[in-house]
């Protein structure tokens, strides 16, 4: 079955490894032999990849289709959750505005009372009306946490340690012939590219 194909490829790879591991390059003839073996390796790798795709593609296609159907459901659930959380957050912000306004009024009243009756100055309470952090519903318990977020406002003002290189853009620039970029070392190195002679 399917596993026998993999087993056969494993055996061929092991045989190939045992042959190639003995290679030594001390002259041009041995270099040419190594080039031929590398070509055989490249071709064998292509054969392995074709076999893998042949076996895996139908499964991947089926998994992708199933995931696509489930994403239709989870996308709706995500929208519902985001909507409800946004409503809860707006309500909490509105309540915080009211809480702070009430707190300010009570402080103003206490300060006015202290002015009218200086003997009360030392007993003016510090008035705080803390907002509940945890709300218990019939089935759920919601704990509100402060989470710090960020958004970009002025890219040029961002400290260097928070910036990163655009590697793809630099690579493309070098491929396009750019040979000097401040802060980047651009260099060449020789690598073998193996192909079949025709």
N, C-alpha and C. Protein backbone atom coordinates (compact mmCIF):
# COMPACT_ATOMS: atom_id res chain seq x y z
N UNK A 1 0.81 -1.18 0.00
CA UNK A 1 0.00 0.00 0.00
C UNK A 1 0.87 1.25 0.00
N UNK A 2 0.33 2.29 0.60
CA UNK A 2 1.00 3.58 0.63
C UNK A 2 2.32 3.54 1.39
N UNK A 3 2.34 2.80 2.50
CA UNK A 3 3.56 2.74 3.30
C UNK A 3 4.68 1.99 2.58
N UNK A 4 4.33 1.05 1.70
CA UNK A 4 5.38 0.32 0.98
C UNK A 4 6.15 1.26 0.06
N UNK A 5 5.47 2.28 -0.49
CA UNK A 5 6.14 3.27 -1.34
C UNK A 5 7.17 4.02 -0.50
N UNK A 6 6.77 4.43 0.72
CA UNK A 6 7.67 5.16 1.61
C UNK A 6 8.84 4.27 2.02
N UNK A 7 8.55 3.01 2.33
CA UNK A 7 9.60 2.07 2.73
C UNK A 7 10.62 1.90 1.60
N UNK A 8 10.14 1.76 0.38
CA UNK A 8 11.03 1.62 -0.77
C UNK A 8 11.91 2.86 -0.93
N UNK A 9 11.32 4.04 -0.80
CA UNK A 9 12.09 5.28 -0.90
C UNK A 9 13.12 5.40 0.22
N UNK A 10 12.75 4.96 1.42
CA UNK A 10 13.70 4.98 2.54
C UNK A 10 14.89 4.08 2.26
N UNK A 11 14.62 2.90 1.71
CA UNK A 11 15.70 1.97 1.38
C UNK A 11 16.61 2.56 0.31
N UNK A 12 16.02 3.18 -0.71
CA UNK A 12 16.82 3.80 -1.78
C UNK A 12 17.66 4.95 -1.23
N UNK A 13 17.07 5.74 -0.32
CA UNK A 13 17.81 6.86 0.28
C UNK A 13 18.98 6.35 1.10
N UNK A 14 18.78 5.28 1.85
CA UNK A 14 19.86 4.72 2.67
C UNK A 14 20.98 4.21 1.78
N UNK A 15 20.63 3.52 0.70
CA UNK A 15 21.64 3.02 -0.24
C UNK A 15 22.41 4.19 -0.85
N UNK A 16 21.70 5.22 -1.23
CA UNK A 16 22.33 6.41 -1.82
C UNK A 16 23.28 7.05 -0.81
N UNK A 17 22.84 7.17 0.43
CA UNK A 17 23.66 7.76 1.50
C UNK A 17 24.95 6.97 1.68
N UNK A 18 24.82 5.64 1.75
CA UNK A 18 26.00 4.79 1.97
C UNK A 18 26.99 4.90 0.83
N UNK A 19 26.50 5.16 -0.38
CA UNK A 19 27.38 5.34 -1.54
C UNK A 19 28.07 6.70 -1.50
N UNK A 20 27.28 7.75 -1.24
CA UNK A 20 27.80 9.12 -1.32
C UNK A 20 28.70 9.47 -0.14
N UNK A 21 28.47 8.89 1.02
CA UNK A 21 29.23 9.25 2.22
C UNK A 21 30.72 8.92 2.06
N UNK A 22 31.04 8.04 1.11
CA UNK A 22 32.44 7.66 0.87
C UNK A 22 33.15 8.59 -0.11
N UNK A 23 32.40 9.55 -0.69
CA UNK A 23 33.01 10.46 -1.66
C UNK A 23 34.12 11.29 -1.03
N UNK A 24 35.15 11.54 -1.79
CA UNK A 24 36.22 12.48 -1.43
C UNK A 24 36.52 13.30 -2.68
N UNK A 25 36.81 14.58 -2.51
CA UNK A 25 37.11 15.42 -3.66
C UNK A 25 38.54 15.93 -3.52
N UNK A 26 39.41 15.35 -4.35
CA UNK A 26 40.82 15.77 -4.34
C UNK A 26 41.30 16.19 -5.73
N UNK A 27 40.43 16.00 -6.74
CA UNK A 27 40.80 16.40 -8.10
C UNK A 27 39.53 16.68 -8.91
N UNK A 28 39.72 17.16 -10.14
CA UNK A 28 38.57 17.55 -10.97
C UNK A 28 37.67 16.37 -11.31
N UNK A 29 38.25 15.20 -11.51
CA UNK A 29 37.42 14.03 -11.84
C UNK A 29 36.48 13.70 -10.68
N UNK A 30 37.03 13.76 -9.45
CA UNK A 30 36.18 13.50 -8.28
C UNK A 30 35.14 14.61 -8.09
N UNK A 31 35.50 15.84 -8.45
CA UNK A 31 34.55 16.95 -8.40
C UNK A 31 33.39 16.69 -9.35
N UNK A 32 33.70 16.19 -10.58
CA UNK A 32 32.66 15.87 -11.55
C UNK A 32 31.78 14.72 -11.04
N UNK A 33 32.40 13.73 -10.39
CA UNK A 33 31.62 12.62 -9.82
C UNK A 33 30.67 13.14 -8.74
N UNK A 34 31.18 14.05 -7.90
CA UNK A 34 30.35 14.62 -6.84
C UNK A 34 29.19 15.42 -7.44
N UNK A 35 29.48 16.13 -8.56
CA UNK A 35 28.43 16.90 -9.23
C UNK A 35 27.34 15.96 -9.75
N UNK A 36 27.77 14.84 -10.36
CA UNK A 36 26.78 13.87 -10.86
C UNK A 36 25.95 13.29 -9.72
N UNK A 37 26.59 12.96 -8.61
CA UNK A 37 25.86 12.39 -7.47
C UNK A 37 24.89 13.42 -6.90
N UNK A 38 25.30 14.70 -6.89
CA UNK A 38 24.41 15.75 -6.39
C UNK A 38 23.21 15.90 -7.32
N UNK A 39 23.43 15.76 -8.63
CA UNK A 39 22.33 15.80 -9.58
C UNK A 39 21.37 14.64 -9.31
N UNK A 40 21.93 13.44 -9.08
CA UNK A 40 21.08 12.27 -8.79
C UNK A 40 20.28 12.52 -7.50
N UNK A 41 20.93 13.15 -6.52
CA UNK A 41 20.24 13.47 -5.26
C UNK A 41 19.07 14.42 -5.53
N UNK A 42 19.32 15.45 -6.33
CA UNK A 42 18.28 16.43 -6.66
C UNK A 42 17.10 15.75 -7.35
N UNK A 43 17.40 14.86 -8.30
CA UNK A 43 16.34 14.15 -9.02
C UNK A 43 15.58 13.20 -8.10
N UNK A 44 16.33 12.53 -7.21
CA UNK A 44 15.69 11.60 -6.26
C UNK A 44 14.80 12.39 -5.30
N UNK A 45 15.27 13.56 -4.87
CA UNK A 45 14.46 14.40 -3.99
C UNK A 45 13.15 14.78 -4.68
N UNK A 46 13.21 15.08 -5.99
CA UNK A 46 12.00 15.39 -6.74
C UNK A 46 11.05 14.21 -6.78
N UNK A 47 11.61 13.02 -6.94
CA UNK A 47 10.80 11.79 -6.97
C UNK A 47 10.12 11.57 -5.61
N UNK A 48 10.86 11.81 -4.54
CA UNK A 48 10.31 11.67 -3.18
C UNK A 48 9.18 12.67 -2.98
N UNK A 49 9.39 13.91 -3.41
CA UNK A 49 8.37 14.95 -3.24
C UNK A 49 7.11 14.61 -4.05
N UNK A 50 7.29 14.08 -5.26
CA UNK A 50 6.13 13.68 -6.06
C UNK A 50 5.33 12.59 -5.36
N UNK A 51 6.03 11.61 -4.78
CA UNK A 51 5.35 10.52 -4.07
C UNK A 51 4.61 11.07 -2.84
N UNK A 52 5.26 11.99 -2.11
CA UNK A 52 4.63 12.57 -0.92
C UNK A 52 3.36 13.33 -1.30
N UNK A 53 3.46 14.14 -2.34
CA UNK A 53 2.30 14.93 -2.77
C UNK A 53 1.17 14.01 -3.24
N UNK A 54 1.53 12.96 -3.98
CA UNK A 54 0.53 12.01 -4.47
C UNK A 54 -0.26 11.40 -3.31
N UNK A 55 0.45 11.08 -2.22
CA UNK A 55 -0.21 10.45 -1.08
C UNK A 55 -0.94 11.47 -0.19
N UNK A 56 -0.37 12.65 -0.04
CA UNK A 56 -0.86 13.60 0.95
C UNK A 56 -1.90 14.58 0.40
N UNK A 57 -1.80 14.93 -0.89
CA UNK A 57 -2.67 15.97 -1.44
C UNK A 57 -4.16 15.67 -1.26
N UNK A 58 -4.64 14.45 -1.54
CA UNK A 58 -6.07 14.20 -1.33
C UNK A 58 -6.48 14.41 0.14
N UNK A 59 -5.61 14.00 1.04
CA UNK A 59 -5.92 14.18 2.47
C UNK A 59 -5.93 15.66 2.83
N UNK A 60 -4.92 16.38 2.36
CA UNK A 60 -4.85 17.82 2.64
C UNK A 60 -6.05 18.56 2.06
N UNK A 61 -6.46 18.17 0.85
CA UNK A 61 -7.62 18.80 0.23
C UNK A 61 -8.88 18.56 1.06
N UNK A 62 -9.00 17.33 1.57
CA UNK A 62 -10.16 17.00 2.39
C UNK A 62 -10.13 17.78 3.71
N UNK A 63 -8.96 17.85 4.35
CA UNK A 63 -8.82 18.61 5.60
C UNK A 63 -9.11 20.08 5.35
N UNK A 64 -8.61 20.62 4.24
CA UNK A 64 -8.84 22.02 3.91
C UNK A 64 -10.33 22.29 3.72
N UNK A 65 -11.02 21.38 3.04
CA UNK A 65 -12.46 21.56 2.81
C UNK A 65 -13.23 21.52 4.13
N UNK A 66 -12.87 20.57 4.99
CA UNK A 66 -13.54 20.45 6.30
C UNK A 66 -13.27 21.70 7.14
N UNK A 67 -12.00 22.12 7.18
CA UNK A 67 -11.66 23.33 7.93
C UNK A 67 -12.40 24.54 7.40
N UNK A 68 -12.54 24.62 6.08
CA UNK A 68 -13.27 25.73 5.48
C UNK A 68 -14.72 25.79 5.95
N UNK A 69 -15.36 24.63 6.04
CA UNK A 69 -16.75 24.58 6.52
C UNK A 69 -16.83 24.99 7.99
N UNK A 70 -15.88 24.51 8.79
CA UNK A 70 -15.89 24.88 10.22
C UNK A 70 -15.56 26.36 10.41
N UNK A 71 -14.71 26.92 9.54
CA UNK A 71 -14.38 28.36 9.65
C UNK A 71 -15.61 29.23 9.43
N UNK A 72 -16.54 28.75 8.59
CA UNK A 72 -17.77 29.50 8.38
C UNK A 72 -18.52 29.65 9.70
N UNK A 73 -18.50 28.60 10.52
CA UNK A 73 -19.17 28.64 11.83
C UNK A 73 -18.37 29.49 12.81
N UNK A 74 -17.05 29.23 12.91
CA UNK A 74 -16.25 29.96 13.90
C UNK A 74 -16.13 31.43 13.56
N UNK A 75 -16.18 31.80 12.27
CA UNK A 75 -16.15 33.21 11.90
C UNK A 75 -17.37 33.95 12.47
N UNK A 76 -18.54 33.31 12.39
CA UNK A 76 -19.75 33.91 12.95
C UNK A 76 -19.62 34.02 14.47
N UNK A 77 -19.11 32.95 15.10
CA UNK A 77 -18.93 32.97 16.55
C UNK A 77 -17.95 34.07 16.97
N UNK A 78 -16.88 34.24 16.21
CA UNK A 78 -15.90 35.30 16.51
C UNK A 78 -16.55 36.67 16.43
N UNK A 79 -17.40 36.88 15.40
CA UNK A 79 -18.08 38.16 15.25
C UNK A 79 -19.03 38.41 16.42
N UNK A 80 -19.75 37.37 16.83
CA UNK A 80 -20.67 37.51 17.97
C UNK A 80 -19.89 37.88 19.22
N UNK A 81 -18.81 37.16 19.47
CA UNK A 81 -18.01 37.41 20.68
C UNK A 81 -17.44 38.82 20.67
N UNK A 82 -16.90 39.24 19.52
CA UNK A 82 -16.33 40.59 19.42
C UNK A 82 -17.40 41.64 19.65
N UNK A 83 -18.60 41.42 19.09
CA UNK A 83 -19.70 42.37 19.25
C UNK A 83 -20.10 42.50 20.72
N UNK A 84 -20.31 41.36 21.38
CA UNK A 84 -20.74 41.38 22.79
C UNK A 84 -19.66 42.00 23.67
N UNK A 85 -18.39 41.65 23.43
CA UNK A 85 -17.31 42.22 24.23
C UNK A 85 -17.20 43.73 24.01
N UNK A 86 -17.43 44.18 22.77
CA UNK A 86 -17.40 45.61 22.49
C UNK A 86 -18.52 46.32 23.24
N UNK A 87 -19.72 45.72 23.27
CA UNK A 87 -20.83 46.30 24.02
C UNK A 87 -20.50 46.38 25.51
N UNK A 88 -19.93 45.29 26.04
CA UNK A 88 -19.57 45.26 27.46
C UNK A 88 -18.51 46.33 27.76
N UNK A 89 -17.52 46.44 26.88
CA UNK A 89 -16.47 47.43 27.07
C UNK A 89 -17.01 48.84 27.03
N UNK A 90 -17.93 49.13 26.08
CA UNK A 90 -18.51 50.47 25.99
C UNK A 90 -19.33 50.78 27.24
N UNK A 91 -20.10 49.80 27.70
CA UNK A 91 -20.89 49.98 28.91
C UNK A 91 -19.97 50.30 30.09
N UNK A 92 -18.88 49.56 30.21
CA UNK A 92 -17.93 49.78 31.32
C UNK A 92 -17.31 51.17 31.21
N UNK A 93 -16.97 51.62 30.01
CA UNK A 93 -16.40 52.97 29.84
C UNK A 93 -17.43 54.03 30.23
N UNK A 94 -18.68 53.82 29.81
CA UNK A 94 -19.74 54.76 30.16
C UNK A 94 -19.93 54.81 31.68
N UNK A 95 -19.90 53.64 32.31
CA UNK A 95 -20.05 53.58 33.77
C UNK A 95 -18.88 54.26 34.47
N UNK A 96 -17.69 54.13 33.91
CA UNK A 96 -16.51 54.76 34.50
C UNK A 96 -16.63 56.29 34.44
N UNK A 97 -17.14 56.81 33.32
CA UNK A 97 -17.35 58.26 33.20
C UNK A 97 -18.35 58.72 34.26
N UNK A 98 -19.46 57.99 34.41
CA UNK A 98 -20.46 58.34 35.44
C UNK A 98 -19.87 58.24 36.84
N UNK A 99 -19.08 57.18 37.08
CA UNK A 99 -18.48 56.97 38.39
C UNK A 99 -17.55 58.13 38.75
N UNK A 100 -16.73 58.54 37.80
CA UNK A 100 -15.80 59.64 38.05
C UNK A 100 -16.55 60.95 38.28
N UNK A 101 -17.65 61.16 37.53
CA UNK A 101 -18.45 62.38 37.70
C UNK A 101 -19.09 62.40 39.09
N UNK A 102 -19.63 61.26 39.52
CA UNK A 102 -20.25 61.17 40.85
C UNK A 102 -19.20 61.39 41.93
N UNK A 103 -18.05 60.77 41.74
CA UNK A 103 -16.94 60.91 42.70
C UNK A 103 -16.54 62.38 42.82
N UNK A 104 -16.44 63.08 41.68
CA UNK A 104 -16.06 64.50 41.68
C UNK A 104 -17.12 65.35 42.38
N UNK A 105 -18.41 65.05 42.16
CA UNK A 105 -19.49 65.80 42.82
C UNK A 105 -19.43 65.62 44.33
N UNK A 106 -19.22 64.36 44.75
CA UNK A 106 -19.16 64.08 46.20
C UNK A 106 -17.97 64.78 46.84
N UNK A 107 -16.85 64.80 46.14
CA UNK A 107 -15.66 65.49 46.67
C UNK A 107 -15.93 66.99 46.77
N UNK A 108 -16.59 67.56 45.74
CA UNK A 108 -16.90 68.99 45.75
C UNK A 108 -17.84 69.32 46.90
N UNK A 109 -18.85 68.47 47.13
CA UNK A 109 -19.78 68.69 48.24
C UNK A 109 -19.05 68.62 49.58
N UNK A 110 -18.16 67.64 49.72
CA UNK A 110 -17.41 67.49 50.97
C UNK A 110 -16.51 68.69 51.20
N UNK A 111 -15.86 69.19 50.13
CA UNK A 111 -14.99 70.35 50.27
C UNK A 111 -15.80 71.61 50.61
N UNK A 112 -16.99 71.75 50.00
CA UNK A 112 -17.86 72.90 50.29
C UNK A 112 -18.33 72.86 51.74
N UNK A 113 -18.69 71.65 52.20
CA UNK A 113 -19.11 71.50 53.60
C UNK A 113 -17.97 71.85 54.54
N UNK A 114 -16.75 71.47 54.18
CA UNK A 114 -15.59 71.77 55.02
C UNK A 114 -15.31 73.27 55.05
N UNK A 115 -15.58 73.98 53.95
CA UNK A 115 -15.37 75.44 53.93
C UNK A 115 -16.37 76.14 54.84
N UNK A 116 -17.61 75.64 54.79
CA UNK A 116 -18.64 76.24 55.63
C UNK A 116 -18.39 75.95 57.10
N UNK A 117 -17.89 74.80 57.37
CA UNK A 117 -17.63 74.42 58.75
C UNK A 117 -16.17 73.96 58.86
N UNK A 118 -15.24 74.90 59.16
CA UNK A 118 -13.80 74.58 59.17
C UNK A 118 -13.44 73.43 60.11
N UNK A 119 -14.26 73.15 61.09
CA UNK A 119 -13.97 72.03 62.01
C UNK A 119 -14.03 70.69 61.28
N UNK A 120 -14.72 70.63 60.14
CA UNK A 120 -14.84 69.37 59.38
C UNK A 120 -13.64 69.12 58.45
N UNK A 121 -12.76 70.13 58.29
CA UNK A 121 -11.65 70.01 57.33
C UNK A 121 -10.84 68.75 57.57
N UNK A 122 -10.58 68.44 58.82
CA UNK A 122 -9.74 67.28 59.10
C UNK A 122 -10.47 65.95 58.89
N UNK A 123 -11.78 66.01 58.76
CA UNK A 123 -12.52 64.75 58.61
C UNK A 123 -13.16 64.61 57.23
N UNK A 124 -12.75 65.44 56.26
CA UNK A 124 -13.28 65.29 54.89
C UNK A 124 -12.79 63.95 54.36
N UNK A 125 -13.69 63.05 54.04
CA UNK A 125 -13.26 61.72 53.58
C UNK A 125 -12.69 61.76 52.16
N UNK A 126 -11.81 60.82 51.91
CA UNK A 126 -11.34 60.61 50.54
C UNK A 126 -12.40 59.74 49.87
N UNK A 127 -13.08 60.31 48.92
CA UNK A 127 -14.23 59.61 48.34
C UNK A 127 -13.80 58.89 47.07
N UNK A 128 -13.94 57.59 47.08
CA UNK A 128 -13.65 56.76 45.90
C UNK A 128 -14.78 55.76 45.75
N UNK A 129 -15.25 55.64 44.56
CA UNK A 129 -16.29 54.66 44.25
C UNK A 129 -15.72 53.66 43.25
N UNK A 130 -15.01 52.65 43.74
CA UNK A 130 -14.34 51.73 42.81
C UNK A 130 -15.33 50.94 41.98
N UNK A 131 -14.95 50.71 40.73
CA UNK A 131 -15.78 49.92 39.83
C UNK A 131 -15.48 48.45 40.07
N UNK A 132 -16.52 47.62 40.06
CA UNK A 132 -16.32 46.19 40.30
C UNK A 132 -15.48 45.59 39.18
N UNK A 133 -14.55 44.71 39.56
CA UNK A 133 -13.70 44.05 38.57
C UNK A 133 -14.33 42.74 38.08
N UNK A 134 -15.14 42.11 38.94
CA UNK A 134 -15.76 40.84 38.57
C UNK A 134 -17.27 40.96 38.68
N UNK A 135 -17.95 40.53 37.64
CA UNK A 135 -19.41 40.54 37.60
C UNK A 135 -19.86 39.09 37.52
N UNK A 136 -20.80 38.72 38.39
CA UNK A 136 -21.32 37.35 38.36
C UNK A 136 -22.72 37.38 37.78
N UNK A 137 -22.89 36.63 36.69
CA UNK A 137 -24.21 36.50 36.07
C UNK A 137 -24.83 35.20 36.56
N UNK A 138 -25.90 34.77 35.93
CA UNK A 138 -26.55 33.52 36.34
C UNK A 138 -25.60 32.34 36.13
N UNK A 139 -24.97 32.28 34.95
CA UNK A 139 -24.08 31.16 34.64
C UNK A 139 -22.63 31.58 34.51
N UNK A 140 -22.41 32.80 34.12
CA UNK A 140 -21.04 33.24 33.80
C UNK A 140 -20.49 34.16 34.88
N UNK A 141 -19.17 34.20 34.89
CA UNK A 141 -18.46 35.17 35.72
C UNK A 141 -17.54 35.92 34.78
N UNK A 142 -17.63 37.24 34.79
CA UNK A 142 -16.81 38.05 33.89
C UNK A 142 -15.86 38.87 34.76
N UNK A 143 -14.58 38.72 34.49
CA UNK A 143 -13.58 39.52 35.19
C UNK A 143 -13.01 40.50 34.19
N UNK A 144 -13.07 41.78 34.53
CA UNK A 144 -12.55 42.83 33.65
C UNK A 144 -11.12 43.12 34.04
N UNK A 145 -10.22 43.02 33.08
CA UNK A 145 -8.80 43.26 33.32
C UNK A 145 -8.35 44.43 32.46
N UNK A 146 -7.44 45.21 33.02
CA UNK A 146 -6.83 46.27 32.21
C UNK A 146 -5.72 45.64 31.38
N UNK A 147 -5.78 45.83 30.09
CA UNK A 147 -4.77 45.29 29.18
C UNK A 147 -4.19 46.46 28.40
N UNK A 148 -2.87 46.56 28.39
CA UNK A 148 -2.22 47.64 27.65
C UNK A 148 -2.15 47.27 26.18
N UNK A 149 -2.50 48.21 25.33
CA UNK A 149 -2.46 48.03 23.88
C UNK A 149 -1.57 49.12 23.29
N UNK A 150 -1.29 49.02 22.01
CA UNK A 150 -0.49 50.07 21.35
C UNK A 150 -0.93 50.23 19.91
N UNK A 151 -0.63 51.39 19.35
CA UNK A 151 -0.84 51.64 17.93
C UNK A 151 0.23 52.63 17.48
N UNK A 152 0.63 52.52 16.24
CA UNK A 152 1.68 53.40 15.71
C UNK A 152 1.12 54.80 15.49
N UNK A 153 1.88 55.81 15.94
CA UNK A 153 1.49 57.20 15.70
C UNK A 153 2.51 57.94 14.87
N UNK A 154 3.80 57.75 15.17
CA UNK A 154 4.86 58.44 14.45
C UNK A 154 6.03 57.48 14.27
N UNK A 155 6.10 56.86 13.11
CA UNK A 155 7.13 55.84 12.85
C UNK A 155 8.54 56.36 13.10
N UNK A 156 8.80 57.59 12.70
CA UNK A 156 10.16 58.15 12.83
C UNK A 156 10.56 58.36 14.28
N UNK A 157 9.60 58.45 15.17
CA UNK A 157 9.91 58.67 16.59
C UNK A 157 10.10 57.35 17.35
N UNK A 158 9.82 56.22 16.71
CA UNK A 158 9.94 54.92 17.38
C UNK A 158 11.42 54.60 17.62
N UNK A 159 11.81 54.22 18.86
CA UNK A 159 13.21 53.88 19.12
C UNK A 159 13.67 52.70 18.27
N UNK A 160 14.94 52.70 17.92
CA UNK A 160 15.51 51.68 17.03
C UNK A 160 15.28 50.26 17.49
N UNK A 161 15.33 50.02 18.82
CA UNK A 161 15.22 48.63 19.29
C UNK A 161 13.85 48.02 18.99
N UNK A 162 12.87 48.86 18.60
CA UNK A 162 11.55 48.34 18.27
C UNK A 162 11.33 48.22 16.76
N UNK A 163 12.35 48.50 15.98
CA UNK A 163 12.26 48.39 14.53
C UNK A 163 12.95 47.12 14.08
N UNK A 164 12.56 46.55 12.94
CA UNK A 164 13.24 45.37 12.42
C UNK A 164 13.44 45.52 10.92
N UNK A 165 14.45 44.79 10.42
CA UNK A 165 14.78 44.86 9.00
C UNK A 165 13.70 44.16 8.17
N UNK A 166 13.47 44.70 6.99
CA UNK A 166 12.59 44.04 6.02
C UNK A 166 13.49 43.17 5.15
N UNK A 167 13.70 41.92 5.58
CA UNK A 167 14.66 41.02 4.92
C UNK A 167 14.27 40.77 3.46
N UNK A 168 12.99 40.61 3.20
CA UNK A 168 12.55 40.35 1.82
C UNK A 168 12.88 41.54 0.92
N UNK A 169 12.68 42.73 1.42
CA UNK A 169 12.95 43.93 0.63
C UNK A 169 14.45 44.08 0.36
N UNK A 170 15.29 43.79 1.37
CA UNK A 170 16.75 43.88 1.20
C UNK A 170 17.21 42.84 0.18
N UNK A 171 16.71 41.60 0.31
CA UNK A 171 17.07 40.54 -0.62
C UNK A 171 16.71 40.92 -2.05
N UNK A 172 15.50 41.48 -2.23
CA UNK A 172 15.07 41.88 -3.57
C UNK A 172 15.96 43.00 -4.10
N UNK A 173 16.34 43.95 -3.26
CA UNK A 173 17.20 45.05 -3.68
C UNK A 173 18.55 44.52 -4.14
N UNK A 174 19.12 43.56 -3.41
CA UNK A 174 20.42 42.97 -3.79
C UNK A 174 20.28 42.22 -5.11
N UNK A 175 19.19 41.47 -5.27
CA UNK A 175 18.95 40.76 -6.54
C UNK A 175 18.82 41.75 -7.69
N UNK A 176 18.28 42.94 -7.41
CA UNK A 176 18.09 43.96 -8.43
C UNK A 176 19.37 44.75 -8.72
N UNK A 177 20.46 44.42 -8.03
CA UNK A 177 21.74 45.05 -8.35
C UNK A 177 22.24 46.08 -7.35
N UNK A 178 21.48 46.35 -6.30
CA UNK A 178 21.95 47.28 -5.28
C UNK A 178 23.16 46.64 -4.58
N UNK A 179 24.25 47.39 -4.45
CA UNK A 179 25.46 46.84 -3.84
C UNK A 179 25.90 47.60 -2.59
N UNK A 180 25.19 48.66 -2.24
CA UNK A 180 25.50 49.38 -1.02
C UNK A 180 24.22 49.82 -0.33
N UNK A 181 24.07 49.37 0.91
CA UNK A 181 22.98 49.81 1.78
C UNK A 181 23.63 50.11 3.12
N UNK A 182 23.46 51.31 3.61
CA UNK A 182 24.07 51.71 4.87
C UNK A 182 23.70 50.73 5.98
N UNK A 183 24.72 50.24 6.70
CA UNK A 183 24.49 49.32 7.80
C UNK A 183 24.35 47.86 7.40
N UNK A 184 24.45 47.56 6.11
CA UNK A 184 24.30 46.19 5.60
C UNK A 184 25.56 45.82 4.83
N UNK A 185 26.11 44.63 5.11
CA UNK A 185 27.25 44.13 4.32
C UNK A 185 26.68 43.30 3.18
N UNK A 186 26.96 43.70 1.96
CA UNK A 186 26.51 42.96 0.78
C UNK A 186 27.75 42.30 0.19
N UNK A 187 27.70 41.00 0.00
CA UNK A 187 28.87 40.26 -0.47
C UNK A 187 28.41 39.13 -1.39
N UNK A 188 29.37 38.58 -2.11
CA UNK A 188 29.05 37.46 -2.98
C UNK A 188 29.76 36.22 -2.47
N UNK A 189 29.16 35.08 -2.72
CA UNK A 189 29.81 33.82 -2.41
C UNK A 189 29.41 32.81 -3.47
N UNK A 190 30.32 31.90 -3.75
CA UNK A 190 30.08 30.91 -4.79
C UNK A 190 29.37 29.70 -4.20
N UNK A 191 28.26 29.32 -4.81
CA UNK A 191 27.56 28.11 -4.38
C UNK A 191 27.31 27.24 -5.62
N UNK A 192 27.38 25.95 -5.46
CA UNK A 192 27.15 25.08 -6.63
C UNK A 192 25.68 24.97 -6.96
N UNK A 193 25.35 25.09 -8.25
CA UNK A 193 23.99 24.85 -8.73
C UNK A 193 24.08 23.67 -9.69
N UNK A 194 23.39 22.61 -9.39
CA UNK A 194 23.52 21.36 -10.14
C UNK A 194 22.33 21.19 -11.06
N UNK A 195 22.59 20.85 -12.31
CA UNK A 195 21.54 20.56 -13.28
C UNK A 195 22.00 19.49 -14.25
N UNK A 196 21.08 18.90 -14.95
CA UNK A 196 21.42 17.82 -15.91
C UNK A 196 21.91 18.43 -17.20
N UNK A 197 22.98 17.80 -17.75
CA UNK A 197 23.50 18.21 -19.07
C UNK A 197 22.57 17.62 -20.13
N UNK A 198 22.34 18.39 -21.17
CA UNK A 198 21.49 17.89 -22.25
C UNK A 198 22.27 17.67 -23.49
